């Protein structure tokens, strides 16, 4: 945990000087909706990434983030995401969003796209450290719906099995997604050795995300 916190502090300090504009116009950008995972938040998961997107020219009103009660599980989170996507499209006048998801947030996005009709409203999606196939860590909590959903062979995972559009970024040192290969699904790239929370504070993860969703 100390290593993860140190990585976050270092990345936050570097967020402003490292980012360089990569071109594009404000009109060309889809709104980006950030979806955190189990017990996550925007501050914990996406602060550095949001700053980098701003430095690269994304308008602040195109970067949409929110906090939801992730303990209620994937399905409840997907209904909240549906509302946030509709709000983002209404506010920006665009027809589609890009989704950037961490951990269980990726399962929320997959469920939203496949089961709630969200695929028609999503252009690109990036999953960072998402337990696509489940994780042993979910058995440490026997009470919350979220962890029930993230267990191997859960009804939620079965309902979205085989459906994984977008880019999956996975780490060889993830202490939460066990086995690490569970995050390696569909079109996937390994990001090296990053702990679970710190992965979204990686400059390498940001550039892979940015380049995948850019207009």
C-alpha atoms as a PDB file:
ATOM      1  CA  UNK A   1       0.000   0.000   0.000  1.00  0.00           C
ATOM      2  CA  UNK A   2       2.862   2.406   0.817  1.00  0.00           C
ATOM      3  CA  UNK A   3       4.370   1.674  -2.587  1.00  0.00           C
ATOM      4  CA  UNK A   4       1.040   2.410  -4.279  1.00  0.00           C
ATOM      5  CA  UNK A   5       0.610   5.697  -2.420  1.00  0.00           C
ATOM      6  CA  UNK A   6       4.163   6.754  -3.284  1.00  0.00           C
ATOM      7  CA  UNK A   7       3.515   5.994  -6.955  1.00  0.00           C
ATOM      8  CA  UNK A   8       0.354   8.084  -6.876  1.00  0.00           C
ATOM      9  CA  UNK A   9       2.107  11.055  -5.264  1.00  0.00           C
ATOM     10  CA  UNK A  10       4.958  10.941  -7.791  1.00  0.00           C
ATOM     11  CA  UNK A  11       2.583  10.724 -10.762  1.00  0.00           C
ATOM     12  CA  UNK A  12       0.439  13.586  -9.476  1.00  0.00           C
ATOM     13  CA  UNK A  13       3.513  15.783  -9.120  1.00  0.00           C
ATOM     14  CA  UNK A  14       4.498  14.978 -12.695  1.00  0.00           C
ATOM     15  CA  UNK A  15       1.020  15.365 -14.174  1.00  0.00           C
ATOM     16  CA  UNK A  16       1.383  18.984 -15.262  1.00  0.00           C
ATOM     17  CA  UNK A  17       4.886  19.072 -16.754  1.00  0.00           C
ATOM     18  CA  UNK A  18       4.708  15.741 -18.586  1.00  0.00           C
ATOM     19  CA  UNK A  19       1.602  16.232 -20.677  1.00  0.00           C
ATOM     20  CA  UNK A  20       1.867  17.733 -24.153  1.00  0.00           C
ATOM     21  CA  UNK A  21      -0.873  18.590 -26.579  1.00  0.00           C
ATOM     22  CA  UNK A  22      -1.479  15.858 -29.141  1.00  0.00           C
ATOM     23  CA  UNK A  23      -3.692  17.822 -31.495  1.00  0.00           C
ATOM     24  CA  UNK A  24      -7.376  17.697 -32.262  1.00  0.00           C
ATOM     25  CA  UNK A  25     -10.074  20.250 -31.669  1.00  0.00           C
ATOM     26  CA  UNK A  26     -12.567  20.547 -28.840  1.00  0.00           C
ATOM     27  CA  UNK A  27     -15.418  19.903 -31.279  1.00  0.00           C
ATOM     28  CA  UNK A  28     -13.901  16.575 -32.301  1.00  0.00           C
ATOM     29  CA  UNK A  29     -13.692  15.074 -28.830  1.00  0.00           C
ATOM     30  CA  UNK A  30     -16.312  12.711 -27.500  1.00  0.00           C
ATOM     31  CA  UNK A  31     -17.135  13.320 -23.858  1.00  0.00           C
ATOM     32  CA  UNK A  32     -15.140  10.950 -21.649  1.00  0.00           C
ATOM     33  CA  UNK A  33     -16.963   9.291 -18.761  1.00  0.00           C
ATOM     34  CA  UNK A  34     -14.731   7.864 -16.020  1.00  0.00           C
ATOM     35  CA  UNK A  35     -16.077   4.829 -14.150  1.00  0.00           C
ATOM     36  CA  UNK A  36     -14.368   3.822 -10.911  1.00  0.00           C
ATOM     37  CA  UNK A  37     -14.505   0.389  -9.369  1.00  0.00           C
ATOM     38  CA  UNK A  38     -15.128  -1.274  -6.026  1.00  0.00           C
ATOM     39  CA  UNK A  39     -14.918   1.308  -3.216  1.00  0.00           C
ATOM     40  CA  UNK A  40     -13.189   3.698  -5.627  1.00  0.00           C
ATOM     41  CA  UNK A  41     -13.625   7.380  -6.372  1.00  0.00           C
ATOM     42  CA  UNK A  42     -12.529   9.982  -8.872  1.00  0.00           C
ATOM     43  CA  UNK A  43      -9.861  11.330  -6.505  1.00  0.00           C
ATOM     44  CA  UNK A  44      -8.358   7.903  -5.864  1.00  0.00           C
ATOM     45  CA  UNK A  45      -8.523   6.593  -9.411  1.00  0.00           C
ATOM     46  CA  UNK A  46      -8.564   9.370 -11.984  1.00  0.00           C
ATOM     47  CA  UNK A  47      -7.201  12.696 -10.695  1.00  0.00           C
ATOM     48  CA  UNK A  48      -3.911  12.529 -12.588  1.00  0.00           C
ATOM     49  CA  UNK A  49      -5.518  11.167 -15.742  1.00  0.00           C
ATOM     50  CA  UNK A  50      -8.133  13.935 -15.803  1.00  0.00           C
ATOM     51  CA  UNK A  51      -5.394  16.566 -15.441  1.00  0.00           C
ATOM     52  CA  UNK A  52      -3.450  14.991 -18.297  1.00  0.00           C
ATOM     53  CA  UNK A  53      -6.515  14.983 -20.544  1.00  0.00           C
ATOM     54  CA  UNK A  54      -7.058  18.679 -19.799  1.00  0.00           C
ATOM     55  CA  UNK A  55      -3.431  19.456 -20.581  1.00  0.00           C
ATOM     56  CA  UNK A  56      -3.814  17.619 -23.879  1.00  0.00           C
ATOM     57  CA  UNK A  57      -6.659  19.857 -24.952  1.00  0.00           C
ATOM     58  CA  UNK A  58      -9.790  18.097 -23.757  1.00  0.00           C
ATOM     59  CA  UNK A  59     -12.406  20.647 -22.609  1.00  0.00           C
ATOM     60  CA  UNK A  60     -13.249  20.353 -18.916  1.00  0.00           C
ATOM     61  CA  UNK A  61     -16.937  19.983 -19.762  1.00  0.00           C
ATOM     62  CA  UNK A  62     -16.120  16.883 -21.825  1.00  0.00           C
ATOM     63  CA  UNK A  63     -14.521  15.075 -18.853  1.00  0.00           C
ATOM     64  CA  UNK A  64     -17.337  13.529 -16.840  1.00  0.00           C
ATOM     65  CA  UNK A  65     -16.696  11.823 -13.526  1.00  0.00           C
ATOM     66  CA  UNK A  66     -18.845  10.816 -10.605  1.00  0.00           C
ATOM     67  CA  UNK A  67     -18.956   8.603  -7.538  1.00  0.00           C
ATOM     68  CA  UNK A  68     -21.522   5.856  -7.063  1.00  0.00           C
ATOM     69  CA  UNK A  69     -22.193   3.204  -4.426  1.00  0.00           C
ATOM     70  CA  UNK A  70     -20.178   0.400  -5.962  1.00  0.00           C
ATOM     71  CA  UNK A  71     -21.021  -2.004  -3.134  1.00  0.00           C
ATOM     72  CA  UNK A  72     -24.476  -2.465  -4.654  1.00  0.00           C
ATOM     73  CA  UNK A  73     -22.907  -4.357  -7.526  1.00  0.00           C
ATOM     74  CA  UNK A  74     -22.378  -4.308 -11.266  1.00  0.00           C
ATOM     75  CA  UNK A  75     -26.016  -4.126 -12.367  1.00  0.00           C
ATOM     76  CA  UNK A  76     -26.865  -1.179 -10.110  1.00  0.00           C
ATOM     77  CA  UNK A  77     -23.696   0.567 -11.244  1.00  0.00           C
ATOM     78  CA  UNK A  78     -24.675   0.033 -14.883  1.00  0.00           C
ATOM     79  CA  UNK A  79     -28.009   1.772 -14.387  1.00  0.00           C
ATOM     80  CA  UNK A  80     -26.207   4.723 -12.823  1.00  0.00           C
ATOM     81  CA  UNK A  81     -23.751   4.761 -15.726  1.00  0.00           C
ATOM     82  CA  UNK A  82     -26.669   4.817 -18.179  1.00  0.00           C
ATOM     83  CA  UNK A  83     -27.942   7.985 -16.541  1.00  0.00           C
ATOM     84  CA  UNK A  84     -24.480   9.595 -16.534  1.00  0.00           C
ATOM     85  CA  UNK A  85     -23.932   8.809 -20.213  1.00  0.00           C
ATOM     86  CA  UNK A  86     -27.298  10.271 -21.166  1.00  0.00           C
ATOM     87  CA  UNK A  87     -26.497  13.380 -19.142  1.00  0.00           C
ATOM     88  CA  UNK A  88     -23.077  13.748 -20.794  1.00  0.00           C
ATOM     89  CA  UNK A  89     -24.559  13.451 -24.275  1.00  0.00           C
ATOM     90  CA  UNK A  90     -27.273  15.967 -23.478  1.00  0.00           C
ATOM     91  CA  UNK A  91     -24.787  18.447 -22.026  1.00  0.00           C
ATOM     92  CA  UNK A  92     -22.329  18.261 -24.934  1.00  0.00           C
ATOM     93  CA  UNK A  93     -24.637  17.654 -27.889  1.00  0.00           C
ATOM     94  CA  UNK A  94     -22.582  14.634 -28.932  1.00  0.00           C
ATOM     95  CA  UNK A  95     -23.985  11.283 -30.018  1.00  0.00           C
ATOM     96  CA  UNK A  96     -21.449   9.011 -28.308  1.00  0.00           C
ATOM     97  CA  UNK A  97     -19.120   8.929 -25.305  1.00  0.00           C
ATOM     98  CA  UNK A  98     -15.816   7.254 -24.560  1.00  0.00           C
ATOM     99  CA  UNK A  99     -15.570   5.253 -21.336  1.00  0.00           C
ATOM    100  CA  UNK A 100     -12.447   4.954 -19.186  1.00  0.00           C
ATOM    101  CA  UNK A 101     -12.943   2.342 -16.485  1.00  0.00           C
ATOM    102  CA  UNK A 102     -10.954   1.016 -13.558  1.00  0.00           C
ATOM    103  CA  UNK A 103     -11.392  -2.406 -11.981  1.00  0.00           C
ATOM    104  CA  UNK A 104     -15.069  -3.313 -11.413  1.00  0.00           C
ATOM    105  CA  UNK A 105     -15.970  -0.194 -13.396  1.00  0.00           C
ATOM    106  CA  UNK A 106     -15.072  -2.166 -16.500  1.00  0.00           C
ATOM    107  CA  UNK A 107     -17.661  -4.813 -15.640  1.00  0.00           C
ATOM    108  CA  UNK A 108     -20.198  -2.038 -15.091  1.00  0.00           C
ATOM    109  CA  UNK A 109     -19.409  -0.695 -18.563  1.00  0.00           C
ATOM    110  CA  UNK A 110     -19.633  -4.103 -20.220  1.00  0.00           C
ATOM    111  CA  UNK A 111     -22.997  -4.787 -18.582  1.00  0.00           C
ATOM    112  CA  UNK A 112     -24.282  -1.341 -19.555  1.00  0.00           C
ATOM    113  CA  UNK A 113     -23.269  -1.814 -23.174  1.00  0.00           C
ATOM    114  CA  UNK A 114     -24.539  -5.359 -23.573  1.00  0.00           C
ATOM    115  CA  UNK A 115     -27.619  -5.500 -21.352  1.00  0.00           C
ATOM    116  CA  UNK A 116     -28.883  -1.890 -21.184  1.00  0.00           C
ATOM    117  CA  UNK A 117     -28.450  -0.840 -24.799  1.00  0.00           C
ATOM    118  CA  UNK A 118     -25.390   1.285 -24.127  1.00  0.00           C
ATOM    119  CA  UNK A 119     -23.342  -0.020 -27.055  1.00  0.00           C
ATOM    120  CA  UNK A 120     -25.023   2.417 -29.439  1.00  0.00           C
ATOM    121  CA  UNK A 121     -23.925   5.333 -27.257  1.00  0.00           C
ATOM    122  CA  UNK A 122     -20.297   4.308 -26.723  1.00  0.00           C
ATOM    123  CA  UNK A 123     -17.542   4.995 -29.222  1.00  0.00           C
ATOM    124  CA  UNK A 124     -14.453   3.644 -27.438  1.00  0.00           C
ATOM    125  CA  UNK A 125     -13.909   2.006 -24.059  1.00  0.00           C
ATOM    126  CA  UNK A 126     -10.735   1.343 -22.081  1.00  0.00           C
ATOM    127  CA  UNK A 127     -10.589  -1.036 -19.133  1.00  0.00           C
ATOM    128  CA  UNK A 128      -7.741  -0.661 -16.636  1.00  0.00           C
ATOM    129  CA  UNK A 129      -7.180  -3.588 -14.256  1.00  0.00           C
ATOM    130  CA  UNK A 130     -10.671  -5.019 -14.773  1.00  0.00           C
ATOM    131  CA  UNK A 131     -11.317  -8.557 -13.448  1.00  0.00           C
ATOM    132  CA  UNK A 132     -13.128  -9.619 -16.601  1.00  0.00           C
ATOM    133  CA  UNK A 133     -13.241 -13.283 -15.612  1.00  0.00           C
ATOM    134  CA  UNK A 134     -13.446 -12.703 -11.849  1.00  0.00           C
ATOM    135  CA  UNK A 135     -10.904 -12.569  -9.049  1.00  0.00           C
ATOM    136  CA  UNK A 136     -10.031 -14.660  -5.991  1.00  0.00           C
ATOM    137  CA  UNK A 137      -9.938 -11.422  -4.017  1.00  0.00           C
ATOM    138  CA  UNK A 138     -13.760 -11.210  -4.279  1.00  0.00           C
ATOM    139  CA  UNK A 139     -14.064 -14.153  -1.885  1.00  0.00           C
ATOM    140  CA  UNK A 140     -12.650 -12.031   0.928  1.00  0.00           C
ATOM    141  CA  UNK A 141     -16.006 -10.250   1.186  1.00  0.00           C
ATOM    142  CA  UNK A 142     -19.020 -12.521   1.458  1.00  0.00           C
ATOM    143  CA  UNK A 143     -21.607  -9.797   1.988  1.00  0.00           C
ATOM    144  CA  UNK A 144     -21.586  -7.136  -0.730  1.00  0.00           C
ATOM    145  CA  UNK A 145     -23.245  -7.672  -4.087  1.00  0.00           C
ATOM    146  CA  UNK A 146     -20.170  -6.213  -5.762  1.00  0.00           C
ATOM    147  CA  UNK A 147     -17.915  -9.026  -4.590  1.00  0.00           C
ATOM    148  CA  UNK A 148     -20.547 -11.645  -5.363  1.00  0.00           C
ATOM    149  CA  UNK A 149     -20.576 -10.277  -8.907  1.00  0.00           C
ATOM    150  CA  UNK A 150     -16.792 -10.501  -9.223  1.00  0.00           C
ATOM    151  CA  UNK A 151     -16.550 -14.160  -8.249  1.00  0.00           C
ATOM    152  CA  UNK A 152     -15.736 -16.716 -10.918  1.00  0.00           C
ATOM    153  CA  UNK A 153     -18.835 -17.950 -12.706  1.00  0.00           C
ATOM    154  CA  UNK A 154     -21.197 -15.390 -11.178  1.00  0.00           C
ATOM    155  CA  UNK A 155     -24.477 -14.751 -12.969  1.00  0.00           C
ATOM    156  CA  UNK A 156     -23.290 -11.248 -13.854  1.00  0.00           C
ATOM    157  CA  UNK A 157     -20.042 -12.469 -15.396  1.00  0.00           C
ATOM    158  CA  UNK A 158     -21.874 -15.212 -17.263  1.00  0.00           C
ATOM    159  CA  UNK A 159     -24.354 -12.669 -18.659  1.00  0.00           C
ATOM    160  CA  UNK A 160     -21.557 -10.679 -20.334  1.00  0.00           C
ATOM    161  CA  UNK A 161     -19.235 -13.580 -21.117  1.00  0.00           C
ATOM    162  CA  UNK A 162     -17.487 -13.172 -24.457  1.00  0.00           C
ATOM    163  CA  UNK A 163     -18.512  -9.539 -24.804  1.00  0.00           C
ATOM    164  CA  UNK A 164     -15.548  -7.234 -24.321  1.00  0.00           C
ATOM    165  CA  UNK A 165     -15.250  -4.444 -26.901  1.00  0.00           C
ATOM    166  CA  UNK A 166     -12.444  -1.958 -26.457  1.00  0.00           C
ATOM    167  CA  UNK A 167      -8.947  -2.042 -24.970  1.00  0.00           C
ATOM    168  CA  UNK A 168      -7.985  -3.961 -21.828  1.00  0.00           C
ATOM    169  CA  UNK A 169      -4.865  -2.779 -19.983  1.00  0.00           C
ATOM    170  CA  UNK A 170      -3.572  -5.289 -17.460  1.00  0.00           C
ATOM    171  CA  UNK A 171      -0.672  -5.533 -15.021  1.00  0.00           C
ATOM    172  CA  UNK A 172       1.588  -8.448 -14.183  1.00  0.00           C
ATOM    173  CA  UNK A 173       1.769  -7.271 -10.539  1.00  0.00           C
ATOM    174  CA  UNK A 174      -1.891  -6.614  -9.758  1.00  0.00           C
ATOM    175  CA  UNK A 175      -2.522  -7.721  -6.170  1.00  0.00           C
ATOM    176  CA  UNK A 176      -6.319  -7.479  -6.485  1.00  0.00           C
ATOM    177  CA  UNK A 177      -7.082  -9.044  -9.864  1.00  0.00           C
ATOM    178  CA  UNK A 178      -6.020 -12.635  -9.217  1.00  0.00           C
ATOM    179  CA  UNK A 179      -5.006 -14.277 -11.406  1.00  0.00           C
ATOM    180  CA  UNK A 180      -3.616 -11.302 -13.311  1.00  0.00           C
ATOM    181  CA  UNK A 181      -4.665 -12.974 -16.560  1.00  0.00           C
ATOM    182  CA  UNK A 182      -8.302 -12.283 -15.662  1.00  0.00           C
ATOM    183  CA  UNK A 183      -7.750  -8.683 -16.802  1.00  0.00           C
ATOM    184  CA  UNK A 184      -6.327  -9.864 -20.124  1.00  0.00           C
ATOM    185  CA  UNK A 185      -9.364 -10.166 -22.382  1.00  0.00           C
ATOM    186  CA  UNK A 186     -10.171  -9.160 -25.934  1.00  0.00           C
ATOM    187  CA  UNK A 187      -7.815  -6.599 -27.407  1.00  0.00           C
ATOM    188  CA  UNK A 188      -5.351  -6.303 -24.536  1.00  0.00           C
ATOM    189  CA  UNK A 189      -1.986  -4.777 -23.721  1.00  0.00           C
ATOM    190  CA  UNK A 190       0.250  -5.475 -20.743  1.00  0.00           C
ATOM    191  CA  UNK A 191       1.302  -2.341 -18.839  1.00  0.00           C
ATOM    192  CA  UNK A 192       4.174  -3.927 -16.942  1.00  0.00           C
ATOM    193  CA  UNK A 193       4.324  -4.090 -13.160  1.00  0.00           C
ATOM    194  CA  UNK A 194       1.786  -1.792 -11.518  1.00  0.00           C
ATOM    195  CA  UNK A 195      -0.248  -2.317  -8.365  1.00  0.00           C
ATOM    196  CA  UNK A 196      -4.016  -2.217  -8.703  1.00  0.00           C
ATOM    197  CA  UNK A 197      -4.852   1.307  -7.522  1.00  0.00           C
ATOM    198  CA  UNK A 198      -1.666   2.890  -8.828  1.00  0.00           C
ATOM    199  CA  UNK A 199      -2.270   1.616 -12.367  1.00  0.00           C
ATOM    200  CA  UNK A 200      -4.479   4.570 -13.320  1.00  0.00           C
ATOM    201  CA  UNK A 201      -1.735   6.950 -12.187  1.00  0.00           C
ATOM    202  CA  UNK A 202       0.725   5.564 -14.723  1.00  0.00           C
ATOM    203  CA  UNK A 203       1.799   7.888 -17.555  1.00  0.00           C
ATOM    204  CA  UNK A 204       2.098   4.819 -19.775  1.00  0.00           C
ATOM    205  CA  UNK A 205      -1.500   3.833 -19.021  1.00  0.00           C
ATOM    206  CA  UNK A 206      -2.660   7.372 -19.712  1.00  0.00           C
ATOM    207  CA  UNK A 207      -0.963   7.598 -23.113  1.00  0.00           C
ATOM    208  CA  UNK A 208      -2.304   4.194 -24.151  1.00  0.00           C
ATOM    209  CA  UNK A 209      -5.778   5.322 -23.088  1.00  0.00           C
ATOM    210  CA  UNK A 210      -5.508   8.706 -24.753  1.00  0.00           C
ATOM    211  CA  UNK A 211      -4.202   7.329 -28.015  1.00  0.00           C
ATOM    212  CA  UNK A 212      -6.893   4.664 -28.158  1.00  0.00           C
ATOM    213  CA  UNK A 213      -9.835   7.035 -27.700  1.00  0.00           C
ATOM    214  CA  UNK A 214      -8.535  10.135 -29.451  1.00  0.00           C
ATOM    215  CA  UNK A 215     -10.488  11.379 -32.499  1.00  0.00           C
END
